[in-house]
Amino acid sequence: MTAKIGGAKRLSAPRDSDLRGAKRAGDHSATTAPLVSLRFKSQFSPMATPSTLTARQMELIAKALSEPRRVEILRKIGGCDGTTPCSALQADSGITAATLSHHMKELENAGLVEISREGKYAYLRLNRPVLDAYLAELAAI
């Protein structure tokens, strides 16, 4: 939103009505997790069943898994129950925070992980239905 103050435009904070259902800080209500990250929802078509992926989804997942470090990160996330703190992944992998952030972004973009942020902390969860659908598509080749 912009407001004109003294002839100059100035950005103002969005109102609650502008957020249209965005999750507010401190809201820990139980919701159903989507199959893909909402940030990249436009790249994924709605799936009738988790066992079908579009060609674009297959391409994004293949690209994300082409890096051995991302496969290792995905294994560590999948080996944990629930969410994995980003700090634990960084301590185990021996890579810089910037590199881990890049790998997390690629995995999220592919729909393989969901990232929830609370303040400055990030928690990752394996999106198993998407991974299972990818493996099923590969098995069908």
C-alpha atoms as a PDB file:
ATOM      1  CA  MET A   1       0.000   0.000   0.000  1.00  0.00           C
ATOM      2  CA  THR A   2       1.154   3.535  -0.611  1.00  0.00           C
ATOM      3  CA  ALA A   3       0.200   6.710   1.131  1.00  0.00           C
ATOM      4  CA  LYS A   4       0.958  10.191  -0.107  1.00  0.00           C
ATOM      5  CA  ILE A   5       2.603  12.279   2.599  1.00  0.00           C
ATOM      6  CA  GLY A   6       3.807  15.783   1.785  1.00  0.00           C
ATOM      7  CA  GLY A   7       3.875  15.134  -1.951  1.00  0.00           C
ATOM      8  CA  ALA A   8       6.012  11.957  -1.644  1.00  0.00           C
ATOM      9  CA  LYS A   9       4.710   8.433  -1.836  1.00  0.00           C
ATOM     10  CA  ARG A  10       5.424   6.324   1.200  1.00  0.00           C
ATOM     11  CA  LEU A  11       4.893   2.614   1.704  1.00  0.00           C
ATOM     12  CA  SER A  12       2.718   1.621   4.616  1.00  0.00           C
ATOM     13  CA  ALA A  13       2.214  -1.726   6.301  1.00  0.00           C
ATOM     14  CA  PRO A  14      -0.587  -3.880   4.903  1.00  0.00           C
ATOM     15  CA  ARG A  15      -3.834  -4.012   6.839  1.00  0.00           C
ATOM     16  CA  ASP A  16      -5.265  -7.277   8.133  1.00  0.00           C
ATOM     17  CA  SER A  17      -7.868  -7.170   5.380  1.00  0.00           C
ATOM     18  CA  ASP A  18      -5.047  -7.008   2.784  1.00  0.00           C
ATOM     19  CA  LEU A  19      -3.428 -10.214   4.023  1.00  0.00           C
ATOM     20  CA  ARG A  20      -6.397 -12.348   2.907  1.00  0.00           C
ATOM     21  CA  GLY A  21      -5.883 -15.263   5.218  1.00  0.00           C
ATOM     22  CA  ALA A  22      -2.103 -15.087   5.531  1.00  0.00           C
ATOM     23  CA  LYS A  23      -0.839 -16.786   8.638  1.00  0.00           C
ATOM     24  CA  ARG A  24      -0.169 -14.281  11.401  1.00  0.00           C
ATOM     25  CA  ALA A  25       2.756 -14.607  13.802  1.00  0.00           C
ATOM     26  CA  GLY A  26       1.827 -16.713  16.790  1.00  0.00           C
ATOM     27  CA  ASP A  27      -1.071 -18.433  15.017  1.00  0.00           C
ATOM     28  CA  HIS A  28      -0.474 -22.131  15.650  1.00  0.00           C
ATOM     29  CA  SER A  29      -3.866 -23.437  14.595  1.00  0.00           C
ATOM     30  CA  ALA A  30      -3.952 -26.928  13.154  1.00  0.00           C
ATOM     31  CA  THR A  31      -4.269 -26.846   9.377  1.00  0.00           C
ATOM     32  CA  THR A  32      -3.860 -29.406   6.659  1.00  0.00           C
ATOM     33  CA  ALA A  33      -0.491 -29.109   4.948  1.00  0.00           C
ATOM     34  CA  PRO A  34      -0.660 -28.577   1.176  1.00  0.00           C
ATOM     35  CA  LEU A  35       1.194 -30.937  -1.154  1.00  0.00           C
ATOM     36  CA  VAL A  36       3.438 -28.132  -2.406  1.00  0.00           C
ATOM     37  CA  SER A  37       4.804 -24.925  -0.999  1.00  0.00           C
ATOM     38  CA  LEU A  38       2.238 -22.142  -1.293  1.00  0.00           C
ATOM     39  CA  ARG A  39       4.987 -19.802  -2.441  1.00  0.00           C
ATOM     40  CA  PHE A  40       5.346 -21.746  -5.687  1.00  0.00           C
ATOM     41  CA  LYS A  41       1.749 -22.928  -5.977  1.00  0.00           C
ATOM     42  CA  SER A  42       1.349 -21.350  -9.420  1.00  0.00           C
ATOM     43  CA  GLN A  43       3.905 -23.795 -10.873  1.00  0.00           C
ATOM     44  CA  PHE A  44       1.918 -26.824  -9.751  1.00  0.00           C
ATOM     45  CA  SER A  45      -1.454 -27.835 -11.047  1.00  0.00           C
ATOM     46  CA  PRO A  46      -3.948 -29.200  -8.512  1.00  0.00           C
ATOM     47  CA  MET A  47      -3.498 -32.945  -8.258  1.00  0.00           C
ATOM     48  CA  ALA A  48      -6.469 -35.287  -8.294  1.00  0.00           C
ATOM     49  CA  THR A  49      -4.322 -37.892  -6.580  1.00  0.00           C
ATOM     50  CA  PRO A  50      -0.822 -37.549  -5.161  1.00  0.00           C
ATOM     51  CA  SER A  51       0.369 -40.165  -7.654  1.00  0.00           C
ATOM     52  CA  THR A  52       0.247 -37.833 -10.685  1.00  0.00           C
ATOM     53  CA  LEU A  53       2.785 -35.131 -11.486  1.00  0.00           C
ATOM     54  CA  THR A  54       3.031 -32.753 -14.413  1.00  0.00           C
ATOM     55  CA  ALA A  55       6.058 -32.696 -16.697  1.00  0.00           C
ATOM     56  CA  ARG A  56       7.130 -29.406 -15.097  1.00  0.00           C
ATOM     57  CA  GLN A  57       6.964 -30.936 -11.614  1.00  0.00           C
ATOM     58  CA  MET A  58       9.039 -33.898 -12.765  1.00  0.00           C
ATOM     59  CA  GLU A  59      11.614 -31.514 -14.243  1.00  0.00           C
ATOM     60  CA  LEU A  60      11.861 -29.429 -11.056  1.00  0.00           C
ATOM     61  CA  ILE A  61      12.248 -32.507  -8.858  1.00  0.00           C
ATOM     62  CA  ALA A  62      14.881 -34.050 -11.158  1.00  0.00           C
ATOM     63  CA  LYS A  63      16.827 -30.776 -11.143  1.00  0.00           C
ATOM     64  CA  ALA A  64      16.648 -30.556  -7.346  1.00  0.00           C
ATOM     65  CA  LEU A  65      17.821 -34.145  -6.885  1.00  0.00           C
ATOM     66  CA  SER A  66      20.703 -33.792  -9.374  1.00  0.00           C
ATOM     67  CA  GLU A  67      22.848 -32.277  -6.607  1.00  0.00           C
ATOM     68  CA  PRO A  68      24.224 -34.945  -4.200  1.00  0.00           C
ATOM     69  CA  ARG A  69      24.109 -32.571  -1.224  1.00  0.00           C
ATOM     70  CA  ARG A  70      20.374 -32.029  -1.735  1.00  0.00           C
ATOM     71  CA  VAL A  71      19.786 -35.777  -1.782  1.00  0.00           C
ATOM     72  CA  GLU A  72      21.712 -36.060   1.495  1.00  0.00           C
ATOM     73  CA  ILE A  73      19.706 -33.159   2.992  1.00  0.00           C
ATOM     74  CA  LEU A  74      16.476 -34.841   1.868  1.00  0.00           C
ATOM     75  CA  ARG A  75      17.580 -38.118   3.507  1.00  0.00           C
ATOM     76  CA  LYS A  76      18.267 -36.339   6.796  1.00  0.00           C
ATOM     77  CA  ILE A  77      14.894 -34.576   6.702  1.00  0.00           C
ATOM     78  CA  GLY A  78      13.093 -37.813   5.812  1.00  0.00           C
ATOM     79  CA  GLY A  79      14.810 -39.681   8.631  1.00  0.00           C
ATOM     80  CA  CYS A  80      13.283 -37.406  11.275  1.00  0.00           C
ATOM     81  CA  ASP A  81       9.765 -37.570  12.631  1.00  0.00           C
ATOM     82  CA  GLY A  82       7.949 -34.302  12.031  1.00  0.00           C
ATOM     83  CA  THR A  83      10.081 -31.260  11.318  1.00  0.00           C
ATOM     84  CA  THR A  84      13.840 -30.847  11.252  1.00  0.00           C
ATOM     85  CA  PRO A  85      15.434 -27.582  12.421  1.00  0.00           C
ATOM     86  CA  CYS A  86      17.620 -25.961   9.803  1.00  0.00           C
ATOM     87  CA  SER A  87      20.382 -25.435  12.368  1.00  0.00           C
ATOM     88  CA  ALA A  88      20.658 -29.212  12.903  1.00  0.00           C
ATOM     89  CA  LEU A  89      21.089 -29.764   9.165  1.00  0.00           C
ATOM     90  CA  GLN A  90      23.803 -27.154   8.974  1.00  0.00           C
ATOM     91  CA  ALA A  91      25.712 -28.623  11.915  1.00  0.00           C
ATOM     92  CA  ASP A  92      25.592 -32.132  10.414  1.00  0.00           C
ATOM     93  CA  SER A  93      26.452 -31.226   6.832  1.00  0.00           C
ATOM     94  CA  GLY A  94      29.422 -28.897   7.348  1.00  0.00           C
ATOM     95  CA  ILE A  95      28.278 -26.366   4.728  1.00  0.00           C
ATOM     96  CA  THR A  96      27.753 -22.642   5.109  1.00  0.00           C
ATOM     97  CA  ALA A  97      24.376 -21.164   5.985  1.00  0.00           C
ATOM     98  CA  ALA A  98      24.162 -19.500   2.567  1.00  0.00           C
ATOM     99  CA  THR A  99      24.763 -22.783   0.739  1.00  0.00           C
ATOM    100  CA  LEU A 100      22.219 -24.604   2.889  1.00  0.00           C
ATOM    101  CA  SER A 101      19.704 -21.820   2.260  1.00  0.00           C
ATOM    102  CA  HIS A 102      20.185 -22.211  -1.499  1.00  0.00           C
ATOM    103  CA  HIS A 103      19.669 -25.984  -1.318  1.00  0.00           C
ATOM    104  CA  MET A 104      16.572 -25.529   0.870  1.00  0.00           C
ATOM    105  CA  LYS A 105      15.130 -23.095  -1.683  1.00  0.00           C
ATOM    106  CA  GLU A 106      15.674 -25.544  -4.539  1.00  0.00           C
ATOM    107  CA  LEU A 107      14.065 -28.415  -2.596  1.00  0.00           C
ATOM    108  CA  GLU A 108      11.111 -26.185  -1.669  1.00  0.00           C
ATOM    109  CA  ASN A 109      10.749 -24.975  -5.255  1.00  0.00           C
ATOM    110  CA  ALA A 110      10.540 -28.601  -6.395  1.00  0.00           C
ATOM    111  CA  GLY A 111       7.848 -29.294  -3.782  1.00  0.00           C
ATOM    112  CA  LEU A 112       9.957 -31.908  -1.973  1.00  0.00           C
ATOM    113  CA  VAL A 113      10.096 -30.058   1.350  1.00  0.00           C
ATOM    114  CA  GLU A 114       7.884 -27.629   3.184  1.00  0.00           C
ATOM    115  CA  ILE A 115       9.558 -24.889   5.184  1.00  0.00           C
ATOM    116  CA  SER A 116       7.853 -23.321   8.166  1.00  0.00           C
ATOM    117  CA  ARG A 117       9.430 -20.250   9.699  1.00  0.00           C
ATOM    118  CA  GLU A 118       9.024 -19.060  13.246  1.00  0.00           C
ATOM    119  CA  GLY A 119      10.909 -15.845  13.788  1.00  0.00           C
ATOM    120  CA  LYS A 120      14.469 -16.379  12.611  1.00  0.00           C
ATOM    121  CA  TYR A 121      14.221 -20.186  12.790  1.00  0.00           C
ATOM    122  CA  ALA A 122      13.306 -22.456   9.886  1.00  0.00           C
ATOM    123  CA  TYR A 123      11.925 -25.983  10.174  1.00  0.00           C
ATOM    124  CA  LEU A 124      11.801 -28.413   7.270  1.00  0.00           C
ATOM    125  CA  ARG A 125       9.412 -31.292   6.635  1.00  0.00           C
ATOM    126  CA  LEU A 126       9.630 -33.874   3.879  1.00  0.00           C
ATOM    127  CA  ASN A 127       6.691 -33.695   1.502  1.00  0.00           C
ATOM    128  CA  ARG A 128       6.395 -37.466   1.189  1.00  0.00           C
ATOM    129  CA  PRO A 129       3.351 -37.570  -1.174  1.00  0.00           C
ATOM    130  CA  VAL A 130       5.273 -35.592  -3.804  1.00  0.00           C
ATOM    131  CA  LEU A 131       8.387 -37.771  -3.398  1.00  0.00           C
ATOM    132  CA  ASP A 132       6.276 -40.937  -3.635  1.00  0.00           C
ATOM    133  CA  ALA A 133       4.546 -39.618  -6.756  1.00  0.00           C
ATOM    134  CA  TYR A 134       7.928 -38.837  -8.325  1.00  0.00           C
ATOM    135  CA  LEU A 135       9.235 -42.329  -7.569  1.00  0.00           C
ATOM    136  CA  ALA A 136       6.050 -43.875  -8.968  1.00  0.00           C
ATOM    137  CA  GLU A 137       6.453 -41.859 -12.206  1.00  0.00           C
ATOM    138  CA  LEU A 138      10.065 -43.047 -12.511  1.00  0.00           C
ATOM    139  CA  ALA A 139       9.036 -46.648 -11.890  1.00  0.00           C
ATOM    140  CA  ALA A 140       6.490 -46.393 -14.709  1.00  0.00           C
ATOM    141  CA  ILE A 141       9.157 -45.553 -17.291  1.00  0.00           C
END
